[in-house]
Amino acid sequence: MTIPVSRFLARRAIPRACALRSRVAFGVSRPMSTAADQAVFNWEDPLAAKAFLTEEEIAVAETAEKYCQELLLPRVLQAYRDENYDPKILEEMGDLGLLGATIQGYGCAGVSTVASGLITKAVERVDSGYRSGMSVQSSLVMGGIYEMGTEEQKEKYLPEMAKGKLIGAFGLTEPNHGSDPGSMETVAKPHPTKTGYYSLSGSKTWITNSPIADVLLVWAKLQETGKIRGFLIDRKDCPPGTLETPAIKNKNGLRASITGMIHMDGCPVPAANMFPNIEGLRGPFSCLNSARYGIALGVTGALEDCIARARQYALERKQFKGNPLAKYQLIQKKLADAATDAAYGTVAAIQVGRLKDQGLATPEMISMVKRQNCDRALHNARVLQEIFGGNAVSDEYMIGRHVANLYVTQTYEGQSDIHALILGRAITGVQAFV
């Protein structure tokens, strides 16, 4: 049984502009335990990562986990089967203060980067598709507007996006240019008939939320300079035939989210809707770094769910003389490897989040945790799937859905090999992309 949304939201929402700041900080030493208070290993938190969190971060994580387990988990299986995404989910998240959570003001909670990552972890523990829809809204579009937009743009969009009333999409990837966005073909030029407007033409693909988006943050090259600029497209202001956002159906993964394309044909956009002071790939990459951080913590949630389900199955399933599968060495090794990677990944992501809030995180750090955590989550999920034997084919065991989703997380917002080249360049000083 699930509790009504209204009752749940009334008692669990994160206060806007949270004032609580805990005295418990990352890395603060704690009193040594006494003989009567010995530490106990917790397989669900092997390295005691919770000890690194503030009271506020724990409260945020608990709010997000409770919402996700009580209100998202019961509907995910049918949503995945039907390839259906309910936009009301973003409104529910908005009512809880989960959208744009790191943003100060504009109706947002203003919590830490780590707290925001814990939200993505809670959502992705249920499904990567739900996390993807939330991340695009929060990190890519709201974060982009907050970091690079004018005050007028922030006031116009952020409060309603924080409530989930306006839905955002982020248009960078094109049909012919995925890992090479600098070669994008989408172009913006002065509108031939409307003074003070640009005309955008081109296509974007694999765009989460695009079929249902009200505002689309699209990156295009200015015809006169060749420089990449960011534009905010209001769907309601686009004349018929200038903006189309068809859905991409029959996906193998992220089926609980909605994905589509963006087709622009002379789409008029006011000059006031262009980001004023950012050009080149620095703009979209800045947005992507925040989203990649959320993915880095998010995928540990998916992996932890795989661990919990595989552990439970191994304890209950009996084979060979009535023994539970958990009794066998090969099973225990699979669980040990996965738990180790999940724990290491969580602690590493918390450290990078702390550095990000201090202005000390580099893009390479985010590339490292995004790449490593996605790779290990996918690898371990595939291995844990073997514990279920033939039963893993049934979607009711859930783990096959995680495996399909985690392949996508390894691929989007910087495929793992691309992040390896980013790290290789930083290590050697030699560019290896071309």
Protein backbone atom coordinates (compact mmCIF):
# COMPACT_ATOMS: atom_id res chain seq x y z
CA MET A 1 0.00 0.00 0.00
CA THR A 2 1.19 3.52 -0.75
CA ILE A 3 0.15 6.61 1.12
CA PRO A 4 -1.64 9.45 -0.72
CA VAL A 5 0.70 11.91 -2.37
CA SER A 6 -0.83 14.89 -0.58
CA ARG A 7 -0.34 13.38 2.87
CA PHE A 8 3.19 12.32 2.04
CA LEU A 9 4.20 15.72 0.67
CA ALA A 10 2.68 17.57 3.62
CA ARG A 11 5.02 15.98 6.14
CA ARG A 12 8.16 15.26 4.12
CA ALA A 13 8.97 18.37 2.08
CA ILE A 14 12.45 19.86 2.29
CA PRO A 15 12.06 23.44 3.62
CA ARG A 16 12.77 26.04 0.95
CA ALA A 17 16.08 27.83 1.51
CA CYS A 18 16.96 25.38 4.29
CA ALA A 19 18.47 27.19 7.23
CA LEU A 20 19.72 24.10 9.02
CA ARG A 21 23.47 23.66 8.79
CA SER A 22 24.87 20.76 10.75
CA ARG A 23 27.89 20.74 12.99
CA VAL A 24 28.80 17.32 11.59
CA ALA A 25 31.20 17.83 8.68
CA PHE A 26 33.01 15.60 6.23
CA GLY A 27 36.17 14.26 7.75
CA VAL A 28 35.51 15.49 11.32
CA SER A 29 37.03 13.10 13.82
CA ARG A 30 34.73 11.23 16.18
CA PRO A 31 35.32 9.84 19.69
CA MET A 32 36.87 6.38 19.78
CA SER A 33 34.35 3.65 20.51
CA THR A 34 34.36 1.95 23.88
CA ALA A 35 34.20 -1.80 24.52
CA ALA A 36 30.42 -1.44 25.00
CA ASP A 37 30.03 0.47 21.75
CA GLN A 38 31.95 -1.48 19.13
CA ALA A 39 31.38 -0.72 15.47
CA VAL A 40 29.39 -3.28 13.49
CA PHE A 41 29.82 -3.85 9.78
CA ASN A 42 26.76 -2.73 7.84
CA TRP A 43 26.57 -4.39 4.43
CA GLU A 44 24.23 -1.63 3.22
CA ASP A 45 26.83 1.05 4.07
CA PRO A 46 30.15 -0.84 4.19
CA LEU A 47 32.42 2.18 4.68
CA ALA A 48 30.01 4.09 6.94
CA ALA A 49 29.57 6.86 4.35
CA LYS A 50 26.65 8.20 6.36
CA ALA A 51 29.18 9.40 8.95
CA PHE A 52 30.51 11.84 6.33
CA LEU A 53 27.12 13.53 5.90
CA THR A 54 25.66 16.54 7.67
CA GLU A 55 22.35 16.35 9.51
CA GLU A 56 20.73 18.32 6.71
CA GLU A 57 22.07 15.94 4.07
CA ILE A 58 20.76 12.94 6.00
CA ALA A 59 17.35 14.59 6.26
CA VAL A 60 17.30 15.33 2.54
CA ALA A 61 18.34 11.76 1.72
CA GLU A 62 15.66 10.31 4.00
CA THR A 63 12.98 12.51 2.45
CA ALA A 64 14.01 11.49 -1.05
CA GLU A 65 14.32 7.79 -0.19
CA LYS A 66 10.90 7.68 1.47
CA TYR A 67 9.22 9.37 -1.49
CA CYS A 68 10.97 7.15 -4.02
CA GLN A 69 10.27 3.88 -2.23
CA GLU A 70 6.65 4.68 -1.40
CA LEU A 71 5.51 6.56 -4.48
CA LEU A 72 7.89 5.80 -7.35
CA LEU A 73 8.76 2.14 -6.84
CA PRO A 74 5.17 0.87 -6.98
CA ARG A 75 4.62 2.31 -10.47
CA VAL A 76 7.99 1.77 -12.14
CA LEU A 77 7.48 -1.76 -13.42
CA GLN A 78 4.33 -0.96 -15.38
CA ALA A 79 5.79 2.34 -16.55
CA TYR A 80 8.85 0.52 -17.88
CA ARG A 81 6.71 -2.10 -19.62
CA ASP A 82 4.50 0.53 -21.23
CA GLU A 83 7.37 2.95 -21.98
CA ASN A 84 5.34 5.58 -20.19
CA TYR A 85 6.46 8.62 -18.19
CA ASP A 86 4.04 10.58 -16.01
CA PRO A 87 4.98 14.31 -16.00
CA LYS A 88 3.22 14.66 -12.65
CA ILE A 89 6.27 13.00 -11.11
CA LEU A 90 8.18 16.26 -11.56
CA GLU A 91 5.41 18.15 -9.78
CA GLU A 92 5.60 15.69 -6.89
CA MET A 93 9.36 16.17 -6.74
CA GLY A 94 8.89 19.93 -6.92
CA ASP A 95 6.49 19.88 -3.98
CA LEU A 96 9.21 18.13 -1.96
CA GLY A 97 11.90 20.64 -2.94
CA LEU A 98 13.88 18.03 -4.87
CA LEU A 99 14.22 19.99 -8.14
CA GLY A 100 17.14 22.38 -8.63
CA ALA A 101 17.98 21.59 -5.03
CA THR A 102 21.41 23.30 -4.98
CA ILE A 103 20.07 26.60 -6.36
CA GLN A 104 19.85 29.47 -3.90
CA GLY A 105 16.53 31.29 -4.10
CA TYR A 106 13.87 31.17 -6.81
CA GLY A 107 11.85 28.67 -4.75
CA CYS A 108 14.69 26.14 -4.53
CA ALA A 109 16.01 24.41 -1.42
CA GLY A 110 19.62 25.66 -1.58
CA VAL A 111 21.23 22.48 -0.24
CA SER A 112 24.76 21.14 -0.76
CA THR A 113 26.05 19.38 -3.86
CA VAL A 114 26.27 16.16 -1.85
CA ALA A 115 22.65 16.49 -0.74
CA SER A 116 21.62 16.95 -4.36
CA GLY A 117 23.61 13.84 -5.28
CA LEU A 118 21.86 11.87 -2.55
CA ILE A 119 18.54 12.83 -4.14
CA THR A 120 19.69 11.39 -7.47
CA LYS A 121 20.89 8.27 -5.64
CA ALA A 122 17.47 7.75 -4.08
CA VAL A 123 15.69 8.22 -7.40
CA GLU A 124 18.08 5.97 -9.33
CA ARG A 125 17.74 3.25 -6.71
CA VAL A 126 14.24 2.94 -8.21
CA ASP A 127 15.07 3.63 -11.87
CA SER A 128 17.69 5.47 -13.91
CA GLY A 129 14.98 6.80 -16.22
CA TYR A 130 13.26 8.63 -13.37
CA ARG A 131 16.61 10.06 -12.36
CA SER A 132 17.34 11.09 -15.94
CA GLY A 133 14.13 13.10 -16.19
CA MET A 134 14.87 14.81 -12.89
CA SER A 135 18.55 15.47 -13.72
CA VAL A 136 17.70 17.16 -17.02
CA GLN A 137 15.20 19.39 -15.25
CA SER A 138 17.46 20.20 -12.30
CA SER A 139 21.09 20.14 -13.43
CA LEU A 140 21.02 20.75 -17.16
CA VAL A 141 18.21 23.26 -17.64
CA MET A 142 17.63 24.89 -14.24
CA GLY A 143 21.36 24.77 -13.49
CA GLY A 144 22.17 26.29 -16.87
CA ILE A 145 19.73 29.13 -16.40
CA TYR A 146 20.96 29.77 -12.87
CA GLU A 147 24.64 29.79 -13.82
CA MET A 148 24.48 31.56 -17.18
CA GLY A 149 21.11 33.24 -17.56
CA THR A 150 20.08 36.84 -17.03
CA GLU A 151 18.14 37.83 -13.94
CA GLU A 152 15.04 38.17 -16.12
CA GLN A 153 15.50 34.62 -17.41
CA LYS A 154 15.96 33.28 -13.90
CA GLU A 155 12.83 35.01 -12.60
CA LYS A 156 10.81 33.89 -15.60
CA TYR A 157 11.67 30.21 -15.55
CA LEU A 158 13.21 28.97 -12.31
CA PRO A 159 10.31 29.34 -9.83
CA GLU A 160 7.90 27.40 -12.02
CA MET A 161 10.53 24.82 -12.94
CA ALA A 162 11.27 24.31 -9.24
CA LYS A 163 7.61 23.39 -8.79
CA GLY A 164 7.67 21.04 -11.77
CA LYS A 165 5.03 23.20 -13.45
CA LEU A 166 7.37 24.01 -16.34
CA ILE A 167 9.31 21.08 -17.80
CA GLY A 168 12.75 21.56 -19.36
CA ALA A 169 14.81 19.78 -22.03
CA PHE A 170 18.48 20.21 -22.97
CA GLY A 171 19.42 20.08 -26.65
CA LEU A 172 23.10 19.44 -27.41
CA THR A 173 23.49 16.00 -29.05
CA GLU A 174 22.73 15.86 -32.78
CA PRO A 175 22.06 12.94 -35.14
CA ASN A 176 25.56 13.26 -36.63
CA HIS A 177 27.42 14.59 -33.60
CA GLY A 178 27.34 12.81 -30.24
CA SER A 179 30.76 12.74 -28.60
CA ASP A 180 31.86 15.59 -30.92
CA PRO A 181 29.44 18.43 -30.08
CA GLY A 182 31.87 21.04 -31.40
CA SER A 183 30.90 19.96 -34.91
CA MET A 184 27.20 20.68 -34.35
CA GLU A 185 25.20 21.76 -37.38
CA THR A 186 22.35 23.61 -35.66
CA VAL A 187 22.61 27.27 -36.64
CA ALA A 188 21.20 30.54 -35.30
CA LYS A 189 20.99 33.60 -37.51
CA PRO A 190 19.17 36.93 -37.32
CA HIS A 191 15.51 36.38 -38.11
CA PRO A 192 14.70 37.61 -41.62
CA THR A 193 11.40 39.29 -40.66
CA LYS A 194 11.31 39.71 -36.88
CA THR A 195 13.58 42.37 -35.42
CA GLY A 196 15.24 41.35 -32.17
CA TYR A 197 14.84 37.64 -32.89
CA TYR A 198 17.07 34.79 -33.97
CA SER A 199 16.01 32.02 -36.33
CA LEU A 200 17.16 28.55 -35.27
CA SER A 201 17.35 25.59 -37.63
CA GLY A 202 18.71 22.09 -37.04
CA SER A 203 18.02 18.85 -35.19
CA LYS A 204 18.89 17.38 -31.81
CA THR A 205 18.41 13.77 -30.79
CA TRP A 206 18.26 11.53 -27.71
CA ILE A 207 16.82 14.45 -25.75
CA THR A 208 15.22 13.48 -22.43
CA ASN A 209 11.89 15.24 -21.80
CA SER A 210 11.76 16.90 -25.24
CA PRO A 211 8.27 15.64 -26.20
CA ILE A 212 6.75 17.14 -23.03
CA ALA A 213 9.08 20.12 -22.49
CA ASP A 214 7.75 23.65 -22.12
CA VAL A 215 11.19 25.28 -22.31
CA LEU A 216 14.10 23.88 -24.30
CA LEU A 217 17.70 24.95 -23.70
CA VAL A 218 19.22 24.51 -27.16
CA TRP A 219 22.83 25.05 -28.19
CA ALA A 220 23.48 26.41 -31.68
CA LYS A 221 26.24 28.08 -33.67
CA LEU A 222 25.79 31.75 -34.47
CA GLN A 223 25.97 32.08 -38.24
CA GLU A 224 27.94 35.32 -38.13
CA THR A 225 30.63 34.17 -35.66
CA GLY A 226 30.56 30.36 -35.65
CA LYS A 227 30.48 30.49 -31.85
CA ILE A 228 28.22 28.16 -29.88
CA ARG A 229 25.54 29.95 -27.86
CA GLY A 230 22.69 28.86 -25.62
CA PHE A 231 19.05 29.74 -26.39
CA LEU A 232 15.87 29.25 -24.36
CA ILE A 233 12.99 28.23 -26.60
CA ASP A 234 9.45 28.67 -25.27
CA ARG A 235 7.29 26.04 -26.93
CA LYS A 236 4.14 28.15 -26.55
CA ASP A 237 5.69 30.99 -28.56
CA CYS A 238 6.78 28.86 -31.54
CA PRO A 239 4.64 29.16 -34.71
CA PRO A 240 3.34 25.85 -36.14
CA GLY A 241 5.95 23.99 -38.14
CA THR A 242 8.97 25.72 -36.59
CA LEU A 243 9.44 23.34 -33.64
CA GLU A 244 8.72 19.61 -33.54
CA THR A 245 9.70 17.22 -30.72
CA PRO A 246 8.76 13.66 -31.71
CA ALA A 247 9.28 10.87 -29.20
CA ILE A 248 11.83 8.12 -29.75
CA LYS A 249 10.01 4.88 -29.01
CA ASN A 250 10.93 1.21 -28.57
CA LYS A 251 14.02 1.86 -26.46
CA ASN A 252 15.92 -0.98 -24.78
CA GLY A 253 16.72 1.13 -21.72
CA LEU A 254 15.42 4.15 -19.78
CA ARG A 255 11.92 3.12 -20.79
CA ALA A 256 10.41 4.80 -17.71
CA SER A 257 11.60 8.18 -19.00
CA ILE A 258 10.53 9.98 -22.15
CA THR A 259 13.09 10.65 -24.88
CA GLY A 260 12.75 12.46 -28.18
CA MET A 261 14.21 14.71 -30.82
CA ILE A 262 14.12 18.47 -31.41
CA HIS A 263 13.55 19.63 -34.98
CA MET A 264 13.81 23.37 -35.62
CA ASP A 265 12.98 24.99 -38.94
CA GLY A 266 13.33 28.75 -38.74
CA CYS A 267 12.24 28.64 -35.10
CA PRO A 268 11.99 32.26 -33.85
CA VAL A 269 13.69 32.94 -30.52
CA PRO A 270 13.91 36.40 -28.91
CA ALA A 271 17.45 37.74 -28.57
CA ALA A 272 16.56 38.24 -24.89
CA ASN A 273 16.37 34.43 -24.60
CA MET A 274 20.03 33.93 -25.52
CA PHE A 275 22.51 33.47 -22.69
CA PRO A 276 24.45 36.75 -22.78
CA ASN A 277 27.98 36.08 -21.57
CA ILE A 278 28.85 32.51 -22.43
CA GLU A 279 30.04 31.11 -25.74
CA GLY A 280 31.69 27.93 -26.96
CA LEU A 281 31.44 24.51 -25.36
CA ARG A 282 32.25 25.94 -21.93
CA GLY A 283 28.53 26.63 -21.53
CA PRO A 284 27.05 23.18 -22.14
CA PHE A 285 30.00 21.44 -20.48
CA SER A 286 29.42 23.47 -17.32
CA CYS A 287 25.85 22.14 -17.20
CA LEU A 288 27.01 18.62 -17.98
CA ASN A 289 29.52 18.61 -15.14
CA SER A 290 26.74 19.12 -12.60
CA ALA A 291 24.62 16.41 -14.21
CA ARG A 292 27.57 14.03 -14.43
CA TYR A 293 28.14 14.43 -10.72
CA GLY A 294 24.54 13.49 -10.07
CA ILE A 295 24.94 10.41 -12.25
CA ALA A 296 28.09 9.41 -10.36
CA LEU A 297 26.14 9.15 -7.09
CA GLY A 298 22.95 8.07 -8.80
CA VAL A 299 24.32 4.86 -10.29
CA THR A 300 25.54 3.74 -6.86
CA GLY A 301 21.87 3.74 -5.86
CA ALA A 302 21.00 1.46 -8.77
CA LEU A 303 23.90 -0.84 -7.90
CA GLU A 304 22.90 -0.95 -4.24
CA ASP A 305 19.41 -1.99 -5.27
CA CYS A 306 20.91 -4.78 -7.38
CA ILE A 307 23.00 -5.90 -4.39
CA ALA A 308 20.01 -5.95 -2.05
CA ARG A 309 17.86 -7.89 -4.50
CA ALA A 310 20.62 -10.39 -5.35
CA ARG A 311 21.41 -10.90 -1.65
CA GLN A 312 17.77 -11.55 -0.80
CA TYR A 313 17.37 -13.95 -3.71
CA ALA A 314 20.56 -15.82 -2.75
CA LEU A 315 19.33 -16.25 0.81
CA GLU A 316 15.91 -17.52 -0.24
CA ARG A 317 16.74 -19.63 -3.29
CA LYS A 318 17.80 -23.18 -2.38
CA GLN A 319 19.77 -25.43 -4.72
CA PHE A 320 21.87 -28.58 -4.22
CA LYS A 321 20.90 -30.45 -1.03
CA GLY A 322 18.61 -27.64 0.10
CA ASN A 323 21.37 -25.10 0.57
CA PRO A 324 20.70 -21.40 -0.05
CA LEU A 325 22.69 -19.97 -2.93
CA ALA A 326 24.27 -17.56 -0.44
CA LYS A 327 26.21 -20.49 1.01
CA TYR A 328 28.36 -20.86 -2.10
CA GLN A 329 31.67 -19.09 -2.59
CA LEU A 330 31.03 -17.84 -6.11
CA ILE A 331 27.85 -16.10 -4.96
CA GLN A 332 29.57 -14.46 -2.01
CA LYS A 333 32.40 -13.20 -4.21
CA LYS A 334 29.94 -11.55 -6.58
CA LEU A 335 28.25 -9.78 -3.69
CA ALA A 336 31.57 -8.78 -2.09
CA ASP A 337 32.89 -7.28 -5.33
CA ALA A 338 29.71 -5.32 -5.94
CA ALA A 339 29.44 -4.02 -2.37
CA THR A 340 33.07 -2.88 -2.47
CA ASP A 341 32.61 -0.95 -5.70
CA ALA A 342 29.39 0.65 -4.48
CA ALA A 343 31.02 1.73 -1.23
CA TYR A 344 34.18 3.09 -2.87
CA GLY A 345 32.11 4.91 -5.46
CA THR A 346 29.88 6.52 -2.87
CA VAL A 347 32.76 7.81 -0.75
CA ALA A 348 34.64 9.12 -3.80
CA ALA A 349 31.55 10.97 -5.02
CA ILE A 350 30.98 12.54 -1.60
CA GLN A 351 34.58 13.80 -1.62
CA VAL A 352 34.18 15.36 -5.07
CA GLY A 353 30.90 16.94 -3.98
CA ARG A 354 32.61 18.56 -1.01
CA LEU A 355 35.34 19.92 -3.27
CA LYS A 356 32.74 21.20 -5.74
CA ASP A 357 31.03 23.26 -3.05
CA GLN A 358 34.41 24.69 -2.08
CA GLY A 359 35.20 25.61 -5.68
CA LEU A 360 38.05 23.08 -5.73
CA ALA A 361 36.62 20.35 -7.97
CA THR A 362 38.03 20.05 -11.49
CA PRO A 363 36.17 18.65 -14.52
CA GLU A 364 38.65 15.76 -14.50
CA MET A 365 37.56 14.76 -10.98
CA ILE A 366 33.96 14.62 -12.14
CA SER A 367 35.00 12.65 -15.23
CA MET A 368 36.79 10.18 -12.97
CA VAL A 369 33.88 9.47 -10.64
CA LYS A 370 31.31 9.48 -13.43
CA ARG A 371 33.34 7.04 -15.51
CA GLN A 372 34.38 4.75 -12.68
CA ASN A 373 31.02 4.55 -10.96
CA CYS A 374 29.09 3.99 -14.19
CA ASP A 375 31.53 1.33 -15.38
CA ARG A 376 31.53 -0.55 -12.09
CA ALA A 377 27.78 -0.28 -11.61
CA LEU A 378 27.16 -1.78 -15.05
CA HIS A 379 29.77 -4.51 -14.61
CA ASN A 380 28.54 -5.56 -11.19
CA ALA A 381 24.87 -5.41 -12.13
CA ARG A 382 25.58 -7.79 -15.01
CA VAL A 383 27.48 -10.15 -12.71
CA LEU A 384 24.80 -10.03 -9.99
CA GLN A 385 22.21 -10.82 -12.64
CA GLU A 386 23.82 -14.25 -12.95
CA ILE A 387 22.76 -15.09 -9.40
CA PHE A 388 19.15 -15.12 -10.57
CA GLY A 389 19.85 -17.64 -13.31
CA GLY A 390 16.98 -17.93 -15.76
CA ASN A 391 14.70 -15.95 -13.46
CA ALA A 392 16.65 -12.80 -14.33
CA VAL A 393 14.80 -12.81 -17.65
CA SER A 394 11.58 -11.93 -15.80
CA ASP A 395 11.17 -8.20 -15.30
CA GLU A 396 9.52 -8.81 -11.94
CA TYR A 397 12.97 -9.50 -10.47
CA MET A 398 13.92 -5.93 -11.44
CA ILE A 399 17.64 -6.49 -11.98
CA GLY A 400 17.44 -6.83 -15.76
CA ARG A 401 15.88 -3.37 -15.92
CA HIS A 402 18.80 -1.93 -13.96
CA VAL A 403 21.29 -3.63 -16.30
CA ALA A 404 19.61 -2.16 -19.39
CA ASN A 405 19.46 1.29 -17.79
CA LEU A 406 23.05 1.27 -16.57
CA TYR A 407 24.32 0.64 -20.08
CA VAL A 408 22.75 3.96 -21.03
CA THR A 409 24.24 5.80 -18.04
CA GLN A 410 27.68 4.58 -19.08
CA THR A 411 27.08 6.01 -22.54
CA TYR A 412 25.37 9.38 -22.14
CA GLU A 413 26.77 12.66 -20.84
CA GLY A 414 30.20 11.50 -21.88
CA GLN A 415 30.76 7.89 -22.85
CA SER A 416 33.28 6.15 -20.59
CA ASP A 417 36.04 6.04 -23.20
CA ILE A 418 35.66 9.80 -23.76
CA HIS A 419 36.10 10.38 -20.04
CA ALA A 420 39.18 8.14 -20.17
CA LEU A 421 40.63 10.44 -22.83
CA ILE A 422 39.83 13.48 -20.72
CA LEU A 423 41.75 11.90 -17.85
CA GLY A 424 44.54 10.74 -20.14
CA ARG A 425 45.00 14.26 -21.45
CA ALA A 426 45.19 15.60 -17.90
CA ILE A 427 47.73 12.94 -16.91
CA THR A 428 50.02 13.19 -19.95
CA GLY A 429 49.34 16.68 -21.28
CA VAL A 430 48.80 15.13 -24.71
CA GLN A 431 45.51 15.49 -26.63
CA ALA A 432 44.35 12.10 -27.94
CA PHE A 433 40.86 12.88 -29.24
CA VAL A 434 42.01 13.33 -32.85
